[in-house]
Structure formats: structure tokens, C-alpha cells
Amino acid sequence: MSALWIAHVTVTDEASYAEYAKRAGPAIEAHGGTFLARGGAYVQLEGKERKRNVVVRFPSIEDAQKCYDSDAYQEALNFARPASMRDLVVVEEL
């Protein structure tokens, strides 16, 4: 069953986060991830607002976890961690 990787992000360093995005995209796509939303307009209805929202569909929760754990994605995260505040969850899609 497919899964959605949902990230809510506040970027604090645009240059470093841009490097993360440049590296993360290929790592995500290599694990079967397809971007459904990447930034763009949104409406905050409840909870803590984060200006950047990303949704990626993976073939399965396992594929999303493998992507996150991969060397390529972990290398990309080295640029995101000091440059952002992030919440990330993977949920099984109906």
C-alpha cells in the first residue's frame, strides 16, 4: 500500500536549505518517491504554522523509511538540520 511522506518546515537559512533540496530530490526519487506538493500556496487551519509544506507519495511505508535511512538522504539532511525546523511523518495511504 502506498504511503505519504508529509513534511512541515520553517526554513531559517535559505542557502543551506536549497542545498538540502537539491540533494534530497534525487534521493527521494531513487526510492520511488513522487512529489505531490513542494512549497506552494496553503491555508493553515489548525496547529503550528510552518511556511513550507511537502508531500511525497512512496510505493510503501517501507520505501519511505528506506529513503529516509539511505546514505544519500542522510547526507542531504546535514544541510537541512541546521537550516530549518521540521516535522516529518509518513502515513499509509488509503
PDB file of N, CA and C in Angstrom:
ATOM      1  N   MET A   1       0.844  -1.180   0.000  1.00  0.00           N
ATOM      2  CA  MET A   1       0.000   0.000   0.000  1.00  0.00           C
ATOM      3  C   MET A   1       0.888   1.242   0.000  1.00  0.00           C
ATOM      4  N   SER A   2       0.529   2.232  -0.809  1.00  0.00           N
ATOM      5  CA  SER A   2       1.341   3.446  -0.908  1.00  0.00           C
ATOM      6  C   SER A   2       1.307   4.239   0.395  1.00  0.00           C
ATOM      7  N   ALA A   3       2.254   5.165   0.506  1.00  0.00           N
ATOM      8  CA  ALA A   3       2.389   5.971   1.714  1.00  0.00           C
ATOM      9  C   ALA A   3       2.717   7.400   1.343  1.00  0.00           C
ATOM     10  N   LEU A   4       2.305   8.323   2.203  1.00  0.00           N
ATOM     11  CA  LEU A   4       2.577   9.739   2.007  1.00  0.00           C
ATOM     12  C   LEU A   4       3.577  10.215   3.055  1.00  0.00           C
ATOM     13  N   TRP A   5       4.618  10.851   2.593  1.00  0.00           N
ATOM     14  CA  TRP A   5       5.646  11.495   3.423  1.00  0.00           C
ATOM     15  C   TRP A   5       5.213  12.946   3.490  1.00  0.00           C
ATOM     16  N   ILE A   6       4.914  13.435   4.678  1.00  0.00           N
ATOM     17  CA  ILE A   6       4.392  14.784   4.845  1.00  0.00           C
ATOM     18  C   ILE A   6       5.333  15.568   5.748  1.00  0.00           C
ATOM     19  N   ALA A   7       5.885  16.644   5.196  1.00  0.00           N
ATOM     20  CA  ALA A   7       6.826  17.471   5.948  1.00  0.00           C
ATOM     21  C   ALA A   7       6.278  18.888   6.062  1.00  0.00           C
ATOM     22  N   HIS A   8       6.390  19.445   7.258  1.00  0.00           N
ATOM     23  CA  HIS A   8       6.054  20.847   7.528  1.00  0.00           C
ATOM     24  C   HIS A   8       7.346  21.495   8.009  1.00  0.00           C
ATOM     25  N   VAL A   9       7.763  22.578   7.338  1.00  0.00           N
ATOM     26  CA  VAL A   9       9.112  23.104   7.542  1.00  0.00           C
ATOM     27  C   VAL A   9       9.097  24.621   7.699  1.00  0.00           C
ATOM     28  N   THR A  10       9.890  25.097   8.643  1.00  0.00           N
ATOM     29  CA  THR A  10      10.235  26.513   8.731  1.00  0.00           C
ATOM     30  C   THR A  10      11.708  26.621   8.378  1.00  0.00           C
ATOM     31  N   VAL A  11      12.007  27.307   7.296  1.00  0.00           N
ATOM     32  CA  VAL A  11      13.386  27.460   6.828  1.00  0.00           C
ATOM     33  C   VAL A  11      14.014  28.669   7.514  1.00  0.00           C
ATOM     34  N   THR A  12      15.185  28.455   8.102  1.00  0.00           N
ATOM     35  CA  THR A  12      15.898  29.539   8.786  1.00  0.00           C
ATOM     36  C   THR A  12      17.160  29.982   8.050  1.00  0.00           C
ATOM     37  N   ASP A  13      17.617  29.177   7.088  1.00  0.00           N
ATOM     38  CA  ASP A  13      18.788  29.506   6.276  1.00  0.00           C
ATOM     39  C   ASP A  13      18.493  29.052   4.853  1.00  0.00           C
ATOM     40  N   GLU A  14      18.095  29.988   4.011  1.00  0.00           N
ATOM     41  CA  GLU A  14      17.651  29.671   2.643  1.00  0.00           C
ATOM     42  C   GLU A  14      18.737  28.973   1.819  1.00  0.00           C
ATOM     43  N   ALA A  15      19.975  29.425   1.910  1.00  0.00           N
ATOM     44  CA  ALA A  15      21.052  28.855   1.090  1.00  0.00           C
ATOM     45  C   ALA A  15      21.316  27.401   1.452  1.00  0.00           C
ATOM     46  N   SER A  16      21.425  27.105   2.735  1.00  0.00           N
ATOM     47  CA  SER A  16      21.671  25.719   3.157  1.00  0.00           C
ATOM     48  C   SER A  16      20.480  24.835   2.843  1.00  0.00           C
ATOM     49  N   TYR A  17      19.280  25.371   3.020  1.00  0.00           N
ATOM     50  CA  TYR A  17      18.097  24.560   2.739  1.00  0.00           C
ATOM     51  C   TYR A  17      17.977  24.288   1.239  1.00  0.00           C
ATOM     52  N   ALA A  18      18.381  25.219   0.417  1.00  0.00           N
ATOM     53  CA  ALA A  18      18.372  25.000  -1.030  1.00  0.00           C
ATOM     54  C   ALA A  18      19.318  23.857  -1.402  1.00  0.00           C
ATOM     55  N   GLU A  19      20.452  23.773  -0.719  1.00  0.00           N
ATOM     56  CA  GLU A  19      21.381  22.666  -0.965  1.00  0.00           C
ATOM     57  C   GLU A  19      20.761  21.348  -0.528  1.00  0.00           C
ATOM     58  N   TYR A  20      20.053  21.353   0.603  1.00  0.00           N
ATOM     59  CA  TYR A  20      19.324  20.150   1.036  1.00  0.00           C
ATOM     60  C   TYR A  20      18.348  19.719  -0.055  1.00  0.00           C
ATOM     61  N   ALA A  21      17.524  20.650  -0.548  1.00  0.00           N
ATOM     62  CA  ALA A  21      16.502  20.325  -1.539  1.00  0.00           C
ATOM     63  C   ALA A  21      17.132  19.770  -2.815  1.00  0.00           C
ATOM     64  N   LYS A  22      18.247  20.353  -3.227  1.00  0.00           N
ATOM     65  CA  LYS A  22      18.951  19.891  -4.425  1.00  0.00           C
ATOM     66  C   LYS A  22      19.401  18.438  -4.279  1.00  0.00           C
ATOM     67  N   ARG A  23      19.863  18.083  -3.084  1.00  0.00           N
ATOM     68  CA  ARG A  23      20.353  16.722  -2.835  1.00  0.00           C
ATOM     69  C   ARG A  23      19.231  15.747  -2.476  1.00  0.00           C
ATOM     70  N   ALA A  24      18.208  16.229  -1.768  1.00  0.00           N
ATOM     71  CA  ALA A  24      17.131  15.345  -1.305  1.00  0.00           C
ATOM     72  C   ALA A  24      16.259  14.858  -2.452  1.00  0.00           C
ATOM     73  N   GLY A  25      16.004  15.728  -3.429  1.00  0.00           N
ATOM     74  CA  GLY A  25      15.135  15.342  -4.546  1.00  0.00           C
ATOM     75  C   GLY A  25      15.565  14.056  -5.231  1.00  0.00           C
ATOM     76  N   PRO A  26      16.812  13.952  -5.687  1.00  0.00           N
ATOM     77  CA  PRO A  26      17.258  12.712  -6.321  1.00  0.00           C
ATOM     78  C   PRO A  26      17.216  11.500  -5.384  1.00  0.00           C
ATOM     79  N   ALA A  27      17.516  11.697  -4.106  1.00  0.00           N
ATOM     80  CA  ALA A  27      17.466  10.583  -3.152  1.00  0.00           C
ATOM     81  C   ALA A  27      16.033  10.081  -3.008  1.00  0.00           C
ATOM     82  N   ILE A  28      15.095  11.003  -2.930  1.00  0.00           N
ATOM     83  CA  ILE A  28      13.680  10.636  -2.806  1.00  0.00           C
ATOM     84  C   ILE A  28      13.204   9.916  -4.063  1.00  0.00           C
ATOM     85  N   GLU A  29      13.521  10.468  -5.225  1.00  0.00           N
ATOM     86  CA  GLU A  29      13.098   9.861  -6.483  1.00  0.00           C
ATOM     87  C   GLU A  29      13.725   8.485  -6.685  1.00  0.00           C
ATOM     88  N   ALA A  30      14.960   8.281  -6.205  1.00  0.00           N
ATOM     89  CA  ALA A  30      15.628   6.986  -6.326  1.00  0.00           C
ATOM     90  C   ALA A  30      14.922   5.890  -5.541  1.00  0.00           C
ATOM     91  N   HIS A  31      14.110   6.285  -4.555  1.00  0.00           N
ATOM     92  CA  HIS A  31      13.366   5.315  -3.749  1.00  0.00           C
ATOM     93  C   HIS A  31      11.892   5.266  -4.138  1.00  0.00           C
ATOM     94  N   GLY A  32      11.581   5.741  -5.323  1.00  0.00           N
ATOM     95  CA  GLY A  32      10.217   5.656  -5.824  1.00  0.00           C
ATOM     96  C   GLY A  32       9.316   6.785  -5.386  1.00  0.00           C
ATOM     97  N   GLY A  33       9.884   7.822  -4.773  1.00  0.00           N
ATOM     98  CA  GLY A  33       9.082   8.945  -4.305  1.00  0.00           C
ATOM     99  C   GLY A  33       8.676   9.870  -5.446  1.00  0.00           C
ATOM    100  N   THR A  34       7.426  10.329  -5.388  1.00  0.00           N
ATOM    101  CA  THR A  34       6.889  11.276  -6.357  1.00  0.00           C
ATOM    102  C   THR A  34       6.358  12.480  -5.596  1.00  0.00           C
ATOM    103  N   PHE A  35       6.844  13.663  -5.923  1.00  0.00           N
ATOM    104  CA  PHE A  35       6.393  14.875  -5.238  1.00  0.00           C
ATOM    105  C   PHE A  35       4.968  15.225  -5.662  1.00  0.00           C
ATOM    106  N   LEU A  36       4.098  15.410  -4.677  1.00  0.00           N
ATOM    107  CA  LEU A  36       2.725  15.846  -4.917  1.00  0.00           C
ATOM    108  C   LEU A  36       2.558  17.319  -4.568  1.00  0.00           C
ATOM    109  N   ALA A  37       3.306  17.780  -3.584  1.00  0.00           N
ATOM    110  CA  ALA A  37       3.319  19.195  -3.190  1.00  0.00           C
ATOM    111  C   ALA A  37       4.719  19.514  -2.715  1.00  0.00           C
ATOM    112  N   ARG A  38       5.196  20.693  -3.088  1.00  0.00           N
ATOM    113  CA  ARG A  38       6.561  21.085  -2.701  1.00  0.00           C
ATOM    114  C   ARG A  38       6.575  22.600  -2.572  1.00  0.00           C
ATOM    115  N   GLY A  39       6.307  23.069  -1.362  1.00  0.00           N
ATOM    116  CA  GLY A  39       6.138  24.503  -1.182  1.00  0.00           C
ATOM    117  C   GLY A  39       4.742  24.867  -1.648  1.00  0.00           C
ATOM    118  N   GLY A  40       4.597  25.982  -2.305  1.00  0.00           N
ATOM    119  CA  GLY A  40       3.312  26.353  -2.875  1.00  0.00           C
ATOM    120  C   GLY A  40       2.346  26.948  -1.868  1.00  0.00           C
ATOM    121  N   ALA A  41       1.212  27.361  -2.383  1.00  0.00           N
ATOM    122  CA  ALA A  41       0.186  28.007  -1.561  1.00  0.00           C
ATOM    123  C   ALA A  41      -0.447  26.996  -0.599  1.00  0.00           C
ATOM    124  N   TYR A  42      -0.862  27.498   0.548  1.00  0.00           N
ATOM    125  CA  TYR A  42      -1.526  26.659   1.546  1.00  0.00           C
ATOM    126  C   TYR A  42      -2.406  27.545   2.423  1.00  0.00           C
ATOM    127  N   VAL A  43      -3.285  26.909   3.166  1.00  0.00           N
ATOM    128  CA  VAL A  43      -4.112  27.593   4.165  1.00  0.00           C
ATOM    129  C   VAL A  43      -3.900  26.867   5.481  1.00  0.00           C
ATOM    130  N   GLN A  44      -3.449  27.583   6.508  1.00  0.00           N
ATOM    131  CA  GLN A  44      -3.229  26.995   7.831  1.00  0.00           C
ATOM    132  C   GLN A  44      -4.547  27.047   8.595  1.00  0.00           C
ATOM    133  N   LEU A  45      -5.137  25.908   8.872  1.00  0.00           N
ATOM    134  CA  LEU A  45      -6.422  25.869   9.571  1.00  0.00           C
ATOM    135  C   LEU A  45      -6.265  25.598  11.064  1.00  0.00           C
ATOM    136  N   GLU A  46      -5.285  24.797  11.435  1.00  0.00           N
ATOM    137  CA  GLU A  46      -5.052  24.469  12.847  1.00  0.00           C
ATOM    138  C   GLU A  46      -3.560  24.200  13.043  1.00  0.00           C
ATOM    139  N   GLY A  47      -3.141  24.227  14.295  1.00  0.00           N
ATOM    140  CA  GLY A  47      -1.782  23.840  14.643  1.00  0.00           C
ATOM    141  C   GLY A  47      -0.740  24.894  14.336  1.00  0.00           C
ATOM    142  N   LYS A  48       0.503  24.471  14.512  1.00  0.00           N
ATOM    143  CA  LYS A  48       1.654  25.365  14.330  1.00  0.00           C
ATOM    144  C   LYS A  48       1.923  25.585  12.848  1.00  0.00           C
ATOM    145  N   GLU A  49       2.002  26.830  12.454  1.00  0.00           N
ATOM    146  CA  GLU A  49       2.249  27.155  11.057  1.00  0.00           C
ATOM    147  C   GLU A  49       3.726  26.982  10.716  1.00  0.00           C
ATOM    148  N   ARG A  50       3.969  26.316   9.615  1.00  0.00           N
ATOM    149  CA  ARG A  50       5.297  26.215   9.016  1.00  0.00           C
ATOM    150  C   ARG A  50       5.115  26.590   7.559  1.00  0.00           C
ATOM    151  N   LYS A  51       5.936  27.491   7.066  1.00  0.00           N
ATOM    152  CA  LYS A  51       5.731  28.112   5.755  1.00  0.00           C
ATOM    153  C   LYS A  51       5.941  27.178   4.569  1.00  0.00           C
ATOM    154  N   ARG A  52       6.665  26.080   4.778  1.00  0.00           N
ATOM    155  CA  ARG A  52       6.930  25.155   3.658  1.00  0.00           C
ATOM    156  C   ARG A  52       6.306  23.806   3.964  1.00  0.00           C
ATOM    157  N   ASN A  53       5.531  23.299   3.024  1.00  0.00           N
ATOM    158  CA  ASN A  53       4.852  22.018   3.186  1.00  0.00           C
ATOM    159  C   ASN A  53       5.156  21.146   1.978  1.00  0.00           C
ATOM    160  N   VAL A  54       5.529  19.895   2.252  1.00  0.00           N
ATOM    161  CA  VAL A  54       5.928  18.980   1.187  1.00  0.00           C
ATOM    162  C   VAL A  54       5.193  17.658   1.387  1.00  0.00           C
ATOM    163  N   VAL A  55       4.655  17.126   0.287  1.00  0.00           N
ATOM    164  CA  VAL A  55       4.001  15.816   0.305  1.00  0.00           C
ATOM    165  C   VAL A  55       4.614  14.981  -0.813  1.00  0.00           C
ATOM    166  N   VAL A  56       5.067  13.780  -0.447  1.00  0.00           N
ATOM    167  CA  VAL A  56       5.668  12.856  -1.406  1.00  0.00           C
ATOM    168  C   VAL A  56       4.956  11.517  -1.285  1.00  0.00           C
ATOM    169  N   ARG A  57       4.586  10.930  -2.411  1.00  0.00           N
ATOM    170  CA  ARG A  57       3.999   9.580  -2.401  1.00  0.00           C
ATOM    171  C   ARG A  57       5.112   8.564  -2.671  1.00  0.00           C
ATOM    172  N   PHE A  58       5.171   7.539  -1.806  1.00  0.00           N
ATOM    173  CA  PHE A  58       6.080   6.412  -1.980  1.00  0.00           C
ATOM    174  C   PHE A  58       5.269   5.154  -2.230  1.00  0.00           C
ATOM    175  N   PRO A  59       5.859   4.149  -2.856  1.00  0.00           N
ATOM    176  CA  PRO A  59       5.127   2.901  -3.075  1.00  0.00           C
ATOM    177  C   PRO A  59       4.665   2.233  -1.773  1.00  0.00           C
ATOM    178  N   SER A  60       5.402   2.457  -0.673  1.00  0.00           N
ATOM    179  CA  SER A  60       5.051   1.839   0.612  1.00  0.00           C
ATOM    180  C   SER A  60       5.708   2.608   1.753  1.00  0.00           C
ATOM    181  N   ILE A  61       5.253   2.335   2.967  1.00  0.00           N
ATOM    182  CA  ILE A  61       5.896   2.914   4.147  1.00  0.00           C
ATOM    183  C   ILE A  61       7.355   2.452   4.214  1.00  0.00           C
ATOM    184  N   GLU A  62       7.571   1.203   3.852  1.00  0.00           N
ATOM    185  CA  GLU A  62       8.930   0.664   3.892  1.00  0.00           C
ATOM    186  C   GLU A  62       9.857   1.415   2.934  1.00  0.00           C
ATOM    187  N   ASP A  63       9.357   1.752   1.749  1.00  0.00           N
ATOM    188  CA  ASP A  63      10.167   2.507   0.797  1.00  0.00           C
ATOM    189  C   ASP A  63      10.489   3.901   1.333  1.00  0.00           C
ATOM    190  N   ALA A  64       9.516   4.527   1.980  1.00  0.00           N
ATOM    191  CA  ALA A  64       9.753   5.849   2.565  1.00  0.00           C
ATOM    192  C   ALA A  64      10.810   5.766   3.662  1.00  0.00           C
ATOM    193  N   GLN A  65      10.732   4.727   4.485  1.00  0.00           N
ATOM    194  CA  GLN A  65      11.711   4.549   5.564  1.00  0.00           C
ATOM    195  C   GLN A  65      13.103   4.274   4.991  1.00  0.00           C
ATOM    196  N   LYS A  66      13.171   3.446   3.949  1.00  0.00           N
ATOM    197  CA  LYS A  66      14.466   3.162   3.301  1.00  0.00           C
ATOM    198  C   LYS A  66      15.068   4.441   2.730  1.00  0.00           C
ATOM    199  N   CYS A  67      14.220   5.275   2.144  1.00  0.00           N
ATOM    200  CA  CYS A  67      14.704   6.554   1.621  1.00  0.00           C
ATOM    201  C   CYS A  67      15.291   7.388   2.747  1.00  0.00           C
ATOM    202  N   TYR A  68      14.535   7.550   3.828  1.00  0.00           N
ATOM    203  CA  TYR A  68      14.988   8.369   4.952  1.00  0.00           C
ATOM    204  C   TYR A  68      16.320   7.860   5.501  1.00  0.00           C
ATOM    205  N   ASP A  69      16.456   6.547   5.590  1.00  0.00           N
ATOM    206  CA  ASP A  69      17.655   5.936   6.158  1.00  0.00           C
ATOM    207  C   ASP A  69      18.831   5.868   5.184  1.00  0.00           C
ATOM    208  N   SER A  70      18.584   6.145   3.904  1.00  0.00           N
ATOM    209  CA  SER A  70      19.639   5.997   2.890  1.00  0.00           C
ATOM    210  C   SER A  70      20.778   6.988   3.126  1.00  0.00           C
ATOM    211  N   ASP A  71      21.961   6.587   2.678  1.00  0.00           N
ATOM    212  CA  ASP A  71      23.134   7.457   2.799  1.00  0.00           C
ATOM    213  C   ASP A  71      22.909   8.781   2.078  1.00  0.00           C
ATOM    214  N   ALA A  72      22.304   8.738   0.898  1.00  0.00           N
ATOM    215  CA  ALA A  72      22.105   9.958   0.115  1.00  0.00           C
ATOM    216  C   ALA A  72      21.167  10.928   0.829  1.00  0.00           C
ATOM    217  N   TYR A  73      20.079  10.419   1.407  1.00  0.00           N
ATOM    218  CA  TYR A  73      19.152  11.320   2.094  1.00  0.00           C
ATOM    219  C   TYR A  73      19.756  11.837   3.398  1.00  0.00           C
ATOM    220  N   GLN A  74      20.458  10.985   4.112  1.00  0.00           N
ATOM    221  CA  GLN A  74      21.096  11.427   5.353  1.00  0.00           C
ATOM    222  C   GLN A  74      22.148  12.502   5.069  1.00  0.00           C
ATOM    223  N   GLU A  75      22.848  12.386   3.945  1.00  0.00           N
ATOM    224  CA  GLU A  75      23.808  13.417   3.565  1.00  0.00           C
ATOM    225  C   GLU A  75      23.077  14.738   3.296  1.00  0.00           C
ATOM    226  N   ALA A  76      21.947  14.654   2.607  1.00  0.00           N
ATOM    227  CA  ALA A  76      21.146  15.857   2.349  1.00  0.00           C
ATOM    228  C   ALA A  76      20.671  16.486   3.657  1.00  0.00           C
ATOM    229  N   LEU A  77      20.269  15.658   4.607  1.00  0.00           N
ATOM    230  CA  LEU A  77      19.784  16.168   5.899  1.00  0.00           C
ATOM    231  C   LEU A  77      20.836  16.971   6.645  1.00  0.00           C
ATOM    232  N   ASN A  78      22.112  16.716   6.371  1.00  0.00           N
ATOM    233  CA  ASN A  78      23.171  17.509   7.007  1.00  0.00           C
ATOM    234  C   ASN A  78      23.032  18.992   6.678  1.00  0.00           C
ATOM    235  N   PHE A  79      22.398  19.307   5.550  1.00  0.00           N
ATOM    236  CA  PHE A  79      22.163  20.699   5.171  1.00  0.00           C
ATOM    237  C   PHE A  79      20.848  21.220   5.740  1.00  0.00           C
ATOM    238  N   ALA A  80      19.867  20.349   5.923  1.00  0.00           N
ATOM    239  CA  ALA A  80      18.546  20.770   6.408  1.00  0.00           C
ATOM    240  C   ALA A  80      18.514  20.986   7.916  1.00  0.00           C
ATOM    241  N   ARG A  81      19.167  20.130   8.660  1.00  0.00           N
ATOM    242  CA  ARG A  81      19.062  20.197  10.125  1.00  0.00           C
ATOM    243  C   ARG A  81      19.441  21.560  10.701  1.00  0.00           C
ATOM    244  N   PRO A  82      20.584  22.137  10.326  1.00  0.00           N
ATOM    245  CA  PRO A  82      20.916  23.445  10.901  1.00  0.00           C
ATOM    246  C   PRO A  82      20.195  24.610  10.222  1.00  0.00           C
ATOM    247  N   ALA A  83      19.450  24.318   9.149  1.00  0.00           N
ATOM    248  CA  ALA A  83      18.835  25.377   8.348  1.00  0.00           C
ATOM    249  C   ALA A  83      17.321  25.412   8.442  1.00  0.00           C
ATOM    250  N   SER A  84      16.755  24.592   9.352  1.00  0.00           N
ATOM    251  CA  SER A  84      15.291  24.522   9.397  1.00  0.00           C
ATOM    252  C   SER A  84      14.796  23.883  10.684  1.00  0.00           C
ATOM    253  N   MET A  85      13.510  24.091  10.925  1.00  0.00           N
ATOM    254  CA  MET A  85      12.770  23.358  11.956  1.00  0.00           C
ATOM    255  C   MET A  85      11.741  22.544  11.188  1.00  0.00           C
ATOM    256  N   ARG A  86      11.717  21.228  11.425  1.00  0.00           N
ATOM    257  CA  ARG A  86      10.913  20.337  10.588  1.00  0.00           C
ATOM    258  C   ARG A  86      10.086  19.374  11.424  1.00  0.00           C
ATOM    259  N   ASP A  87       8.930  19.054  10.891  1.00  0.00           N
ATOM    260  CA  ASP A  87       8.116  17.937  11.367  1.00  0.00           C
ATOM    261  C   ASP A  87       7.938  17.033  10.156  1.00  0.00           C
ATOM    262  N   LEU A  88       8.142  15.743  10.336  1.00  0.00           N
ATOM    263  CA  LEU A  88       8.037  14.795   9.226  1.00  0.00           C
ATOM    264  C   LEU A  88       7.304  13.550   9.707  1.00  0.00           C
ATOM    265  N   VAL A  89       6.310  13.126   8.926  1.00  0.00           N
ATOM    266  CA  VAL A  89       5.559  11.924   9.248  1.00  0.00           C
ATOM    267  C   VAL A  89       5.312  11.179   7.944  1.00  0.00           C
ATOM    268  N   VAL A  90       5.241   9.857   8.028  1.00  0.00           N
ATOM    269  CA  VAL A  90       4.846   9.032   6.893  1.00  0.00           C
ATOM    270  C   VAL A  90       3.583   8.299   7.287  1.00  0.00           C
ATOM    271  N   VAL A  91       2.558   8.398   6.437  1.00  0.00           N
ATOM    272  CA  VAL A  91       1.282   7.738   6.723  1.00  0.00           C
ATOM    273  C   VAL A  91       0.892   6.853   5.557  1.00  0.00           C
ATOM    274  N   GLU A  92       0.305   5.725   5.886  1.00  0.00           N
ATOM    275  CA  GLU A  92      -0.179   4.817   4.857  1.00  0.00           C
ATOM    276  C   GLU A  92      -1.367   5.446   4.150  1.00  0.00           C
ATOM    277  N   GLU A  93      -1.361   5.375   2.839  1.00  0.00           N
ATOM    278  CA  GLU A  93      -2.429   5.967   2.043  1.00  0.00           C
ATOM    279  C   GLU A  93      -3.560   4.961   1.868  1.00  0.00           C
ATOM    280  N   LEU A  94      -4.777   5.451   1.859  1.00  0.00           N
ATOM    281  CA  LEU A  94      -5.933   4.560   1.655  1.00  0.00           C
ATOM    282  C   LEU A  94      -6.032   4.113   0.218  1.00  0.00           C
TER     283      LEU A  94
END
